[in-house]
Amino acid sequence: FSKCRLSIAIPERNLEEYNKLGNKW
């Protein structure tokens, strides 16, 4: 119970750049 995840989140405006670079962004 009390399930969740710990994640990295970025502004939506940077998503395209992140998709190109992966976590190297």
mmCIF file of all heavy atoms, coordinates in Angstrom:
data_MODEL
# 
_entry.id   MODEL 
# 
loop_
_atom_site.group_PDB 
_atom_site.id 
_atom_site.type_symbol 
_atom_site.label_atom_id 
_atom_site.label_alt_id 
_atom_site.label_comp_id 
_atom_site.label_asym_id 
_atom_site.label_entity_id 
_atom_site.label_seq_id 
_atom_site.pdbx_PDB_ins_code 
_atom_site.Cartn_x 
_atom_site.Cartn_y 
_atom_site.Cartn_z 
_atom_site.occupancy 
_atom_site.B_iso_or_equiv 
_atom_site.pdbx_formal_charge 
_atom_site.auth_seq_id 
_atom_site.auth_comp_id 
_atom_site.auth_asym_id 
_atom_site.auth_atom_id 
_atom_site.pdbx_PDB_model_num 
ATOM 1   N N   . PHE A 1 1  ? 0.848  -1.194 0.000   1.00 0.00 ? 1  PHE A N   1 
ATOM 2   C CA  . PHE A 1 1  ? 0.000  0.000  0.000   1.00 0.00 ? 1  PHE A CA  1 
ATOM 3   C C   . PHE A 1 1  ? 0.887  1.248  0.000   1.00 0.00 ? 1  PHE A C   1 
ATOM 4   O O   . PHE A 1 1  ? 2.108  1.149  0.096   1.00 0.00 ? 1  PHE A O   1 
ATOM 5   C CB  . PHE A 1 1  ? -1.010 0.007  1.163   1.00 0.00 ? 1  PHE A CB  1 
ATOM 6   C CG  . PHE A 1 1  ? -0.418 0.043  2.553   1.00 0.00 ? 1  PHE A CG  1 
ATOM 7   C CD1 . PHE A 1 1  ? 0.010  1.229  3.124   1.00 0.00 ? 1  PHE A CD1 1 
ATOM 8   C CD2 . PHE A 1 1  ? -0.335 -1.111 3.313   1.00 0.00 ? 1  PHE A CD2 1 
ATOM 9   C CE1 . PHE A 1 1  ? 0.525  1.278  4.408   1.00 0.00 ? 1  PHE A CE1 1 
ATOM 10  C CE2 . PHE A 1 1  ? 0.175  -1.090 4.600   1.00 0.00 ? 1  PHE A CE2 1 
ATOM 11  C CZ  . PHE A 1 1  ? 0.606  0.112  5.150   1.00 0.00 ? 1  PHE A CZ  1 
ATOM 12  N N   . SER A 1 2  ? 0.258  2.417  -0.141  1.00 0.00 ? 2  SER A N   1 
ATOM 13  C CA  . SER A 1 2  ? 0.987  3.688  -0.268  1.00 0.00 ? 2  SER A CA  1 
ATOM 14  C C   . SER A 1 2  ? 2.032  3.622  -1.382  1.00 0.00 ? 2  SER A C   1 
ATOM 15  O O   . SER A 1 2  ? 3.176  4.032  -1.217  1.00 0.00 ? 2  SER A O   1 
ATOM 16  C CB  . SER A 1 2  ? 1.644  4.066  1.062   1.00 0.00 ? 2  SER A CB  1 
ATOM 17  O OG  . SER A 1 2  ? 0.683  4.394  2.031   1.00 0.00 ? 2  SER A OG  1 
ATOM 18  N N   . LYS A 1 3  ? 1.606  3.114  -2.530  1.00 0.00 ? 3  LYS A N   1 
ATOM 19  C CA  . LYS A 1 3  ? 2.528  2.967  -3.645  1.00 0.00 ? 3  LYS A CA  1 
ATOM 20  C C   . LYS A 1 3  ? 2.727  4.302  -4.379  1.00 0.00 ? 3  LYS A C   1 
ATOM 21  O O   . LYS A 1 3  ? 1.794  5.079  -4.536  1.00 0.00 ? 3  LYS A O   1 
ATOM 22  C CB  . LYS A 1 3  ? 2.016  1.908  -4.623  1.00 0.00 ? 3  LYS A CB  1 
ATOM 23  C CG  . LYS A 1 3  ? 2.039  0.499  -4.040  1.00 0.00 ? 3  LYS A CG  1 
ATOM 24  C CD  . LYS A 1 3  ? 1.649  -0.537 -5.082  1.00 0.00 ? 3  LYS A CD  1 
ATOM 25  C CE  . LYS A 1 3  ? 1.773  -1.941 -4.515  1.00 0.00 ? 3  LYS A CE  1 
ATOM 26  N NZ  . LYS A 1 3  ? 1.465  -2.985 -5.514  1.00 0.00 ? 3  LYS A NZ  1 
ATOM 27  N N   . CYS A 1 4  ? 3.951  4.535  -4.802  1.00 0.00 ? 4  CYS A N   1 
ATOM 28  C CA  . CYS A 1 4  ? 4.280  5.732  -5.575  1.00 0.00 ? 4  CYS A CA  1 
ATOM 29  C C   . CYS A 1 4  ? 5.583  5.452  -6.304  1.00 0.00 ? 4  CYS A C   1 
ATOM 30  O O   . CYS A 1 4  ? 6.108  4.332  -6.273  1.00 0.00 ? 4  CYS A O   1 
ATOM 31  C CB  . CYS A 1 4  ? 4.406  6.953  -4.660  1.00 0.00 ? 4  CYS A CB  1 
ATOM 32  S SG  . CYS A 1 4  ? 5.758  6.825  -3.458  1.00 0.00 ? 4  CYS A SG  1 
ATOM 33  N N   . ARG A 1 5  ? 6.110  6.456  -6.966  1.00 0.00 ? 5  ARG A N   1 
ATOM 34  C CA  . ARG A 1 5  ? 7.403  6.318  -7.618  1.00 0.00 ? 5  ARG A CA  1 
ATOM 35  C C   . ARG A 1 5  ? 8.166  7.631  -7.443  1.00 0.00 ? 5  ARG A C   1 
ATOM 36  O O   . ARG A 1 5  ? 7.567  8.685  -7.215  1.00 0.00 ? 5  ARG A O   1 
ATOM 37  C CB  . ARG A 1 5  ? 7.235  5.996  -9.102  1.00 0.00 ? 5  ARG A CB  1 
ATOM 38  C CG  . ARG A 1 5  ? 6.382  6.973  -9.887  1.00 0.00 ? 5  ARG A CG  1 
ATOM 39  C CD  . ARG A 1 5  ? 5.991  6.401  -11.249 1.00 0.00 ? 5  ARG A CD  1 
ATOM 40  N NE  . ARG A 1 5  ? 5.204  7.353  -12.029 1.00 0.00 ? 5  ARG A NE  1 
ATOM 41  C CZ  . ARG A 1 5  ? 3.879  7.474  -11.940 1.00 0.00 ? 5  ARG A CZ  1 
ATOM 42  N NH1 . ARG A 1 5  ? 3.199  6.703  -11.112 1.00 0.00 ? 5  ARG A NH1 1 
ATOM 43  N NH2 . ARG A 1 5  ? 3.226  8.351  -12.691 1.00 0.00 ? 5  ARG A NH2 1 
ATOM 44  N N   . LEU A 1 6  ? 9.466  7.559  -7.489  1.00 0.00 ? 6  LEU A N   1 
ATOM 45  C CA  . LEU A 1 6  ? 10.306 8.751  -7.449  1.00 0.00 ? 6  LEU A CA  1 
ATOM 46  C C   . LEU A 1 6  ? 10.840 8.985  -8.854  1.00 0.00 ? 6  LEU A C   1 
ATOM 47  O O   . LEU A 1 6  ? 11.507 8.116  -9.425  1.00 0.00 ? 6  LEU A O   1 
ATOM 48  C CB  . LEU A 1 6  ? 11.461 8.576  -6.457  1.00 0.00 ? 6  LEU A CB  1 
ATOM 49  C CG  . LEU A 1 6  ? 11.186 9.073  -5.031  1.00 0.00 ? 6  LEU A CG  1 
ATOM 50  C CD1 . LEU A 1 6  ? 10.161 8.180  -4.368  1.00 0.00 ? 6  LEU A CD1 1 
ATOM 51  C CD2 . LEU A 1 6  ? 12.463 9.129  -4.218  1.00 0.00 ? 6  LEU A CD2 1 
ATOM 52  N N   . SER A 1 7  ? 10.510 10.144 -9.386  1.00 0.00 ? 7  SER A N   1 
ATOM 53  C CA  . SER A 1 7  ? 10.800 10.421 -10.795 1.00 0.00 ? 7  SER A CA  1 
ATOM 54  C C   . SER A 1 7  ? 11.420 11.792 -10.997 1.00 0.00 ? 7  SER A C   1 
ATOM 55  O O   . SER A 1 7  ? 11.227 12.714 -10.194 1.00 0.00 ? 7  SER A O   1 
ATOM 56  C CB  . SER A 1 7  ? 9.514  10.337 -11.617 1.00 0.00 ? 7  SER A CB  1 
ATOM 57  O OG  . SER A 1 7  ? 8.965  9.044  -11.582 1.00 0.00 ? 7  SER A OG  1 
ATOM 58  N N   . ILE A 1 8  ? 12.141 11.896 -12.087 1.00 0.00 ? 8  ILE A N   1 
ATOM 59  C CA  . ILE A 1 8  ? 12.619 13.196 -12.555 1.00 0.00 ? 8  ILE A CA  1 
ATOM 60  C C   . ILE A 1 8  ? 11.589 13.748 -13.528 1.00 0.00 ? 8  ILE A C   1 
ATOM 61  O O   . ILE A 1 8  ? 11.092 13.031 -14.405 1.00 0.00 ? 8  ILE A O   1 
ATOM 62  C CB  . ILE A 1 8  ? 13.988 13.060 -13.238 1.00 0.00 ? 8  ILE A CB  1 
ATOM 63  C CG1 . ILE A 1 8  ? 15.049 12.647 -12.209 1.00 0.00 ? 8  ILE A CG1 1 
ATOM 64  C CG2 . ILE A 1 8  ? 14.388 14.370 -13.927 1.00 0.00 ? 8  ILE A CG2 1 
ATOM 65  C CD1 . ILE A 1 8  ? 16.400 12.317 -12.800 1.00 0.00 ? 8  ILE A CD1 1 
ATOM 66  N N   . ALA A 1 9  ? 11.243 15.003 -13.341 1.00 0.00 ? 9  ALA A N   1 
ATOM 67  C CA  . ALA A 1 9  ? 10.293 15.670 -14.240 1.00 0.00 ? 9  ALA A CA  1 
ATOM 68  C C   . ALA A 1 9  ? 10.890 16.989 -14.693 1.00 0.00 ? 9  ALA A C   1 
ATOM 69  O O   . ALA A 1 9  ? 11.600 17.659 -13.938 1.00 0.00 ? 9  ALA A O   1 
ATOM 70  C CB  . ALA A 1 9  ? 8.961  15.905 -13.531 1.00 0.00 ? 9  ALA A CB  1 
ATOM 71  N N   . ILE A 1 10 ? 10.590 17.347 -15.933 1.00 0.00 ? 10 ILE A N   1 
ATOM 72  C CA  . ILE A 1 10 ? 11.135 18.572 -16.516 1.00 0.00 ? 10 ILE A CA  1 
ATOM 73  C C   . ILE A 1 10 ? 9.992  19.414 -17.082 1.00 0.00 ? 10 ILE A C   1 
ATOM 74  O O   . ILE A 1 10 ? 8.887  18.906 -17.307 1.00 0.00 ? 10 ILE A O   1 
ATOM 75  C CB  . ILE A 1 10 ? 12.152 18.261 -17.637 1.00 0.00 ? 10 ILE A CB  1 
ATOM 76  C CG1 . ILE A 1 10 ? 11.434 17.611 -18.827 1.00 0.00 ? 10 ILE A CG1 1 
ATOM 77  C CG2 . ILE A 1 10 ? 13.259 17.352 -17.119 1.00 0.00 ? 10 ILE A CG2 1 
ATOM 78  C CD1 . ILE A 1 10 ? 12.315 17.447 -20.066 1.00 0.00 ? 10 ILE A CD1 1 
ATOM 79  N N   . PRO A 1 11 ? 10.224 20.707 -17.308 1.00 0.00 ? 11 PRO A N   1 
ATOM 80  C CA  . PRO A 1 11 ? 9.187  21.540 -17.944 1.00 0.00 ? 11 PRO A CA  1 
ATOM 81  C C   . PRO A 1 11 ? 8.826  20.992 -19.325 1.00 0.00 ? 11 PRO A C   1 
ATOM 82  O O   . PRO A 1 11 ? 9.695  20.515 -20.060 1.00 0.00 ? 11 PRO A O   1 
ATOM 83  C CB  . PRO A 1 11 ? 9.848  22.915 -18.047 1.00 0.00 ? 11 PRO A CB  1 
ATOM 84  C CG  . PRO A 1 11 ? 10.865 22.922 -16.951 1.00 0.00 ? 11 PRO A CG  1 
ATOM 85  C CD  . PRO A 1 11 ? 11.389 21.510 -16.884 1.00 0.00 ? 11 PRO A CD  1 
ATOM 86  N N   . GLU A 1 12 ? 7.564  21.044 -19.660 1.00 0.00 ? 12 GLU A N   1 
ATOM 87  C CA  . GLU A 1 12 ? 7.100  20.523 -20.947 1.00 0.00 ? 12 GLU A CA  1 
ATOM 88  C C   . GLU A 1 12 ? 7.804  21.197 -22.122 1.00 0.00 ? 12 GLU A C   1 
ATOM 89  O O   . GLU A 1 12 ? 8.023  20.566 -23.161 1.00 0.00 ? 12 GLU A O   1 
ATOM 90  C CB  . GLU A 1 12 ? 5.582  20.699 -21.055 1.00 0.00 ? 12 GLU A CB  1 
ATOM 91  C CG  . GLU A 1 12 ? 4.803  19.787 -20.117 1.00 0.00 ? 12 GLU A CG  1 
ATOM 92  C CD  . GLU A 1 12 ? 3.302  19.915 -20.299 1.00 0.00 ? 12 GLU A CD  1 
ATOM 93  O OE1 . GLU A 1 12 ? 2.870  20.841 -21.019 1.00 0.00 ? 12 GLU A OE1 1 
ATOM 94  O OE2 . GLU A 1 12 ? 2.568  19.089 -19.726 1.00 0.00 ? 12 GLU A OE2 1 
ATOM 95  N N   . ARG A 1 13 ? 8.195  22.435 -21.951 1.00 0.00 ? 13 ARG A N   1 
ATOM 96  C CA  . ARG A 1 13 ? 8.854  23.157 -23.047 1.00 0.00 ? 13 ARG A CA  1 
ATOM 97  C C   . ARG A 1 13 ? 10.222 22.565 -23.405 1.00 0.00 ? 13 ARG A C   1 
ATOM 98  O O   . ARG A 1 13 ? 10.751 22.800 -24.501 1.00 0.00 ? 13 ARG A O   1 
ATOM 99  C CB  . ARG A 1 13 ? 9.027  24.642 -22.679 1.00 0.00 ? 13 ARG A CB  1 
ATOM 100 C CG  . ARG A 1 13 ? 9.933  24.887 -21.489 1.00 0.00 ? 13 ARG A CG  1 
ATOM 101 C CD  . ARG A 1 13 ? 10.103 26.371 -21.167 1.00 0.00 ? 13 ARG A CD  1 
ATOM 102 N NE  . ARG A 1 13 ? 10.972 26.588 -20.026 1.00 0.00 ? 13 ARG A NE  1 
ATOM 103 C CZ  . ARG A 1 13 ? 10.568 26.597 -18.764 1.00 0.00 ? 13 ARG A CZ  1 
ATOM 104 N NH1 . ARG A 1 13 ? 9.278  26.408 -18.484 1.00 0.00 ? 13 ARG A NH1 1 
ATOM 105 N NH2 . ARG A 1 13 ? 11.431 26.795 -17.776 1.00 0.00 ? 13 ARG A NH2 1 
ATOM 106 N N   . ASN A 1 14 ? 10.809 21.798 -22.476 1.00 0.00 ? 14 ASN A N   1 
ATOM 107 C CA  . ASN A 1 14 ? 12.124 21.191 -22.712 1.00 0.00 ? 14 ASN A CA  1 
ATOM 108 C C   . ASN A 1 14 ? 12.040 19.736 -23.165 1.00 0.00 ? 14 ASN A C   1 
ATOM 109 O O   . ASN A 1 14 ? 13.066 19.078 -23.357 1.00 0.00 ? 14 ASN A O   1 
ATOM 110 C CB  . ASN A 1 14 ? 12.970 21.253 -21.436 1.00 0.00 ? 14 ASN A CB  1 
ATOM 111 C CG  . ASN A 1 14 ? 13.232 22.666 -20.961 1.00 0.00 ? 14 ASN A CG  1 
ATOM 112 O OD1 . ASN A 1 14 ? 12.935 23.020 -19.833 1.00 0.00 ? 14 ASN A OD1 1 
ATOM 113 N ND2 . ASN A 1 14 ? 13.784 23.487 -21.853 1.00 0.00 ? 14 ASN A ND2 1 
ATOM 114 N N   . LEU A 1 15 ? 10.825 19.230 -23.353 1.00 0.00 ? 15 LEU A N   1 
ATOM 115 C CA  . LEU A 1 15 ? 10.640 17.807 -23.613 1.00 0.00 ? 15 LEU A CA  1 
ATOM 116 C C   . LEU A 1 15 ? 11.271 17.373 -24.936 1.00 0.00 ? 15 LEU A C   1 
ATOM 117 O O   . LEU A 1 15 ? 11.909 16.316 -25.006 1.00 0.00 ? 15 LEU A O   1 
ATOM 118 C CB  . LEU A 1 15 ? 9.148  17.460 -23.608 1.00 0.00 ? 15 LEU A CB  1 
ATOM 119 C CG  . LEU A 1 15 ? 8.808  15.977 -23.713 1.00 0.00 ? 15 LEU A CG  1 
ATOM 120 C CD1 . LEU A 1 15 ? 9.445  15.187 -22.570 1.00 0.00 ? 15 LEU A CD1 1 
ATOM 121 C CD2 . LEU A 1 15 ? 7.305  15.769 -23.723 1.00 0.00 ? 15 LEU A CD2 1 
ATOM 122 N N   . GLU A 1 16 ? 11.122 18.169 -25.963 1.00 0.00 ? 16 GLU A N   1 
ATOM 123 C CA  . GLU A 1 16 ? 11.675 17.806 -27.272 1.00 0.00 ? 16 GLU A CA  1 
ATOM 124 C C   . GLU A 1 16 ? 13.191 17.681 -27.199 1.00 0.00 ? 16 GLU A C   1 
ATOM 125 O O   . GLU A 1 16 ? 13.784 16.722 -27.727 1.00 0.00 ? 16 GLU A O   1 
ATOM 126 C CB  . GLU A 1 16 ? 11.283 18.846 -28.319 1.00 0.00 ? 16 GLU A CB  1 
ATOM 127 C CG  . GLU A 1 16 ? 11.736 18.474 -29.726 1.00 0.00 ? 16 GLU A CG  1 
ATOM 128 C CD  . GLU A 1 16 ? 11.267 19.471 -30.780 1.00 0.00 ? 16 GLU A CD  1 
ATOM 129 O OE1 . GLU A 1 16 ? 10.411 20.338 -30.452 1.00 0.00 ? 16 GLU A OE1 1 
ATOM 130 O OE2 . GLU A 1 16 ? 11.759 19.390 -31.924 1.00 0.00 ? 16 GLU A OE2 1 
ATOM 131 N N   . GLU A 1 17 ? 13.824 18.616 -26.514 1.00 0.00 ? 17 GLU A N   1 
ATOM 132 C CA  . GLU A 1 17 ? 15.284 18.573 -26.366 1.00 0.00 ? 17 GLU A CA  1 
ATOM 133 C C   . GLU A 1 17 ? 15.704 17.352 -25.539 1.00 0.00 ? 17 GLU A C   1 
ATOM 134 O O   . GLU A 1 17 ? 16.688 16.688 -25.855 1.00 0.00 ? 17 GLU A O   1 
ATOM 135 C CB  . GLU A 1 17 ? 15.777 19.857 -25.695 1.00 0.00 ? 17 GLU A CB  1 
ATOM 136 C CG  . GLU A 1 17 ? 17.292 19.949 -25.611 1.00 0.00 ? 17 GLU A CG  1 
ATOM 137 C CD  . GLU A 1 17 ? 17.749 21.229 -24.920 1.00 0.00 ? 17 GLU A CD  1 
ATOM 138 O OE1 . GLU A 1 17 ? 16.885 22.020 -24.494 1.00 0.00 ? 17 GLU A OE1 1 
ATOM 139 O OE2 . GLU A 1 17 ? 18.975 21.407 -24.806 1.00 0.00 ? 17 GLU A OE2 1 
ATOM 140 N N   . TYR A 1 18 ? 14.932 17.036 -24.478 1.00 0.00 ? 18 TYR A N   1 
ATOM 141 C CA  . TYR A 1 18 ? 15.249 15.879 -23.643 1.00 0.00 ? 18 TYR A CA  1 
ATOM 142 C C   . TYR A 1 18 ? 15.142 14.586 -24.451 1.00 0.00 ? 18 TYR A C   1 
ATOM 143 O O   . TYR A 1 18 ? 15.970 13.684 -24.313 1.00 0.00 ? 18 TYR A O   1 
ATOM 144 C CB  . TYR A 1 18 ? 14.312 15.824 -22.431 1.00 0.00 ? 18 TYR A CB  1 
ATOM 145 C CG  . TYR A 1 18 ? 14.726 14.777 -21.411 1.00 0.00 ? 18 TYR A CG  1 
ATOM 146 C CD1 . TYR A 1 18 ? 15.523 15.123 -20.321 1.00 0.00 ? 18 TYR A CD1 1 
ATOM 147 C CD2 . TYR A 1 18 ? 14.344 13.442 -21.555 1.00 0.00 ? 18 TYR A CD2 1 
ATOM 148 C CE1 . TYR A 1 18 ? 15.924 14.167 -19.405 1.00 0.00 ? 18 TYR A CE1 1 
ATOM 149 C CE2 . TYR A 1 18 ? 14.751 12.476 -20.644 1.00 0.00 ? 18 TYR A CE2 1 
ATOM 150 C CZ  . TYR A 1 18 ? 15.539 12.846 -19.565 1.00 0.00 ? 18 TYR A CZ  1 
ATOM 151 O OH  . TYR A 1 18 ? 15.941 11.886 -18.660 1.00 0.00 ? 18 TYR A OH  1 
ATOM 152 N N   . ASN A 1 19 ? 14.128 14.506 -25.291 1.00 0.00 ? 19 ASN A N   1 
ATOM 153 C CA  . ASN A 1 19 ? 13.941 13.299 -26.105 1.00 0.00 ? 19 ASN A CA  1 
ATOM 154 C C   . ASN A 1 19 ? 15.125 13.057 -27.045 1.00 0.00 ? 19 ASN A C   1 
ATOM 155 O O   . ASN A 1 19 ? 15.451 11.917 -27.378 1.00 0.00 ? 19 ASN A O   1 
ATOM 156 C CB  . ASN A 1 19 ? 12.638 13.399 -26.902 1.00 0.00 ? 19 ASN A CB  1 
ATOM 157 C CG  . ASN A 1 19 ? 11.414 13.251 -26.016 1.00 0.00 ? 19 ASN A CG  1 
ATOM 158 O OD1 . ASN A 1 19 ? 11.493 12.688 -24.934 1.00 0.00 ? 19 ASN A OD1 1 
ATOM 159 N ND2 . ASN A 1 19 ? 10.286 13.768 -26.478 1.00 0.00 ? 19 ASN A ND2 1 
ATOM 160 N N   . LYS A 1 20 ? 15.776 14.130 -27.465 1.00 0.00 ? 20 LYS A N   1 
ATOM 161 C CA  . LYS A 1 20 ? 16.934 14.000 -28.345 1.00 0.00 ? 20 LYS A CA  1 
ATOM 162 C C   . LYS A 1 20 ? 18.185 13.578 -27.578 1.00 0.00 ? 20 LYS A C   1 
ATOM 163 O O   . LYS A 1 20 ? 18.974 12.761 -28.040 1.00 0.00 ? 20 LYS A O   1 
ATOM 164 C CB  . LYS A 1 20 ? 17.200 15.332 -29.063 1.00 0.00 ? 20 LYS A CB  1 
ATOM 165 C CG  . LYS A 1 20 ? 16.143 15.716 -30.088 1.00 0.00 ? 20 LYS A CG  1 
ATOM 166 C CD  . LYS A 1 20 ? 16.468 17.067 -30.712 1.00 0.00 ? 20 LYS A CD  1 
ATOM 167 C CE  . LYS A 1 20 ? 15.404 17.472 -31.725 1.00 0.00 ? 20 LYS A CE  1 
ATOM 168 N NZ  . LYS A 1 20 ? 15.686 18.821 -32.300 1.00 0.00 ? 20 LYS A NZ  1 
ATOM 169 N N   . LEU A 1 21 ? 18.351 14.152 -26.380 1.00 0.00 ? 21 LEU A N   1 
ATOM 170 C CA  . LEU A 1 21 ? 19.581 13.937 -25.609 1.00 0.00 ? 21 LEU A CA  1 
ATOM 171 C C   . LEU A 1 21 ? 19.480 12.816 -24.584 1.00 0.00 ? 21 LEU A C   1 
ATOM 172 O O   . LEU A 1 21 ? 20.500 12.320 -24.106 1.00 0.00 ? 21 LEU A O   1 
ATOM 173 C CB  . LEU A 1 21 ? 19.973 15.238 -24.886 1.00 0.00 ? 21 LEU A CB  1 
ATOM 174 C CG  . LEU A 1 21 ? 20.275 16.448 -25.764 1.00 0.00 ? 21 LEU A CG  1 
ATOM 175 C CD1 . LEU A 1 21 ? 20.547 17.666 -24.894 1.00 0.00 ? 21 LEU A CD1 1 
ATOM 176 C CD2 . LEU A 1 21 ? 21.468 16.169 -26.672 1.00 0.00 ? 21 LEU A CD2 1 
ATOM 177 N N   . GLY A 1 22 ? 18.255 12.411 -24.223 1.00 0.00 ? 22 GLY A N   1 
ATOM 178 C CA  . GLY A 1 22 ? 18.090 11.450 -23.143 1.00 0.00 ? 22 GLY A CA  1 
ATOM 179 C C   . GLY A 1 22 ? 18.479 12.071 -21.820 1.00 0.00 ? 22 GLY A C   1 
ATOM 180 O O   . GLY A 1 22 ? 18.461 13.300 -21.662 1.00 0.00 ? 22 GLY A O   1 
ATOM 181 N N   . ASN A 1 23 ? 18.893 11.237 -20.857 1.00 0.00 ? 23 ASN A N   1 
ATOM 182 C CA  . ASN A 1 23 ? 19.205 11.816 -19.543 1.00 0.00 ? 23 ASN A CA  1 
ATOM 183 C C   . ASN A 1 23 ? 20.479 12.664 -19.538 1.00 0.00 ? 23 ASN A C   1 
ATOM 184 O O   . ASN A 1 23 ? 20.771 13.333 -18.543 1.00 0.00 ? 23 ASN A O   1 
ATOM 185 C CB  . ASN A 1 23 ? 19.270 10.733 -18.463 1.00 0.00 ? 23 ASN A CB  1 
ATOM 186 C CG  . ASN A 1 23 ? 20.309 9.666  -18.729 1.00 0.00 ? 23 ASN A CG  1 
ATOM 187 O OD1 . ASN A 1 23 ? 21.292 9.893  -19.427 1.00 0.00 ? 23 ASN A OD1 1 
ATOM 188 N ND2 . ASN A 1 23 ? 20.094 8.481  -18.158 1.00 0.00 ? 23 ASN A ND2 1 
ATOM 189 N N   . LYS A 1 24 ? 21.212 12.676 -20.633 1.00 0.00 ? 24 LYS A N   1 
ATOM 190 C CA  . LYS A 1 24 ? 22.373 13.567 -20.732 1.00 0.00 ? 24 LYS A CA  1 
ATOM 191 C C   . LYS A 1 24 ? 21.946 15.038 -20.668 1.00 0.00 ? 24 LYS A C   1 
ATOM 192 O O   . LYS A 1 24 ? 22.759 15.913 -20.384 1.00 0.00 ? 24 LYS A O   1 
ATOM 193 C CB  . LYS A 1 24 ? 23.145 13.309 -22.033 1.00 0.00 ? 24 LYS A CB  1 
ATOM 194 C CG  . LYS A 1 24 ? 23.674 11.877 -22.183 1.00 0.00 ? 24 LYS A CG  1 
ATOM 195 C CD  . LYS A 1 24 ? 24.633 11.501 -21.074 1.00 0.00 ? 24 LYS A CD  1 
ATOM 196 C CE  . LYS A 1 24 ? 25.157 10.094 -21.265 1.00 0.00 ? 24 LYS A CE  1 
ATOM 197 N NZ  . LYS A 1 24 ? 25.990 9.634  -20.108 1.00 0.00 ? 24 LYS A NZ  1 
ATOM 198 N N   . TRP A 1 25 ? 20.661 15.277 -20.928 1.00 0.00 ? 25 TRP A N   1 
ATOM 199 C CA  . TRP A 1 25 ? 20.124 16.646 -20.824 1.00 0.00 ? 25 TRP A CA  1 
ATOM 200 C C   . TRP A 1 25 ? 20.323 17.201 -19.420 1.00 0.00 ? 25 TRP A C   1 
ATOM 201 O O   . TRP A 1 25 ? 20.434 18.423 -19.226 1.00 0.00 ? 25 TRP A O   1 
ATOM 202 C CB  . TRP A 1 25 ? 18.637 16.626 -21.175 1.00 0.00 ? 25 TRP A CB  1 
ATOM 203 C CG  . TRP A 1 25 ? 17.967 17.968 -21.134 1.00 0.00 ? 25 TRP A CG  1 
ATOM 204 C CD1 . TRP A 1 25 ? 17.862 18.872 -22.163 1.00 0.00 ? 25 TRP A CD1 1 
ATOM 205 C CD2 . TRP A 1 25 ? 17.280 18.569 -20.021 1.00 0.00 ? 25 TRP A CD2 1 
ATOM 206 N NE1 . TRP A 1 25 ? 17.158 19.994 -21.756 1.00 0.00 ? 25 TRP A NE1 1 
ATOM 207 C CE2 . TRP A 1 25 ? 16.790 19.826 -20.447 1.00 0.00 ? 25 TRP A CE2 1 
ATOM 208 C CE3 . TRP A 1 25 ? 17.036 18.163 -18.714 1.00 0.00 ? 25 TRP A CE3 1 
ATOM 209 C CZ2 . TRP A 1 25 ? 16.078 20.684 -19.598 1.00 0.00 ? 25 TRP A CZ2 1 
ATOM 210 C CZ3 . TRP A 1 25 ? 16.334 19.001 -17.865 1.00 0.00 ? 25 TRP A CZ3 1 
ATOM 211 C CH2 . TRP A 1 25 ? 15.861 20.258 -18.309 1.00 0.00 ? 25 TRP A CH2 1 
# 
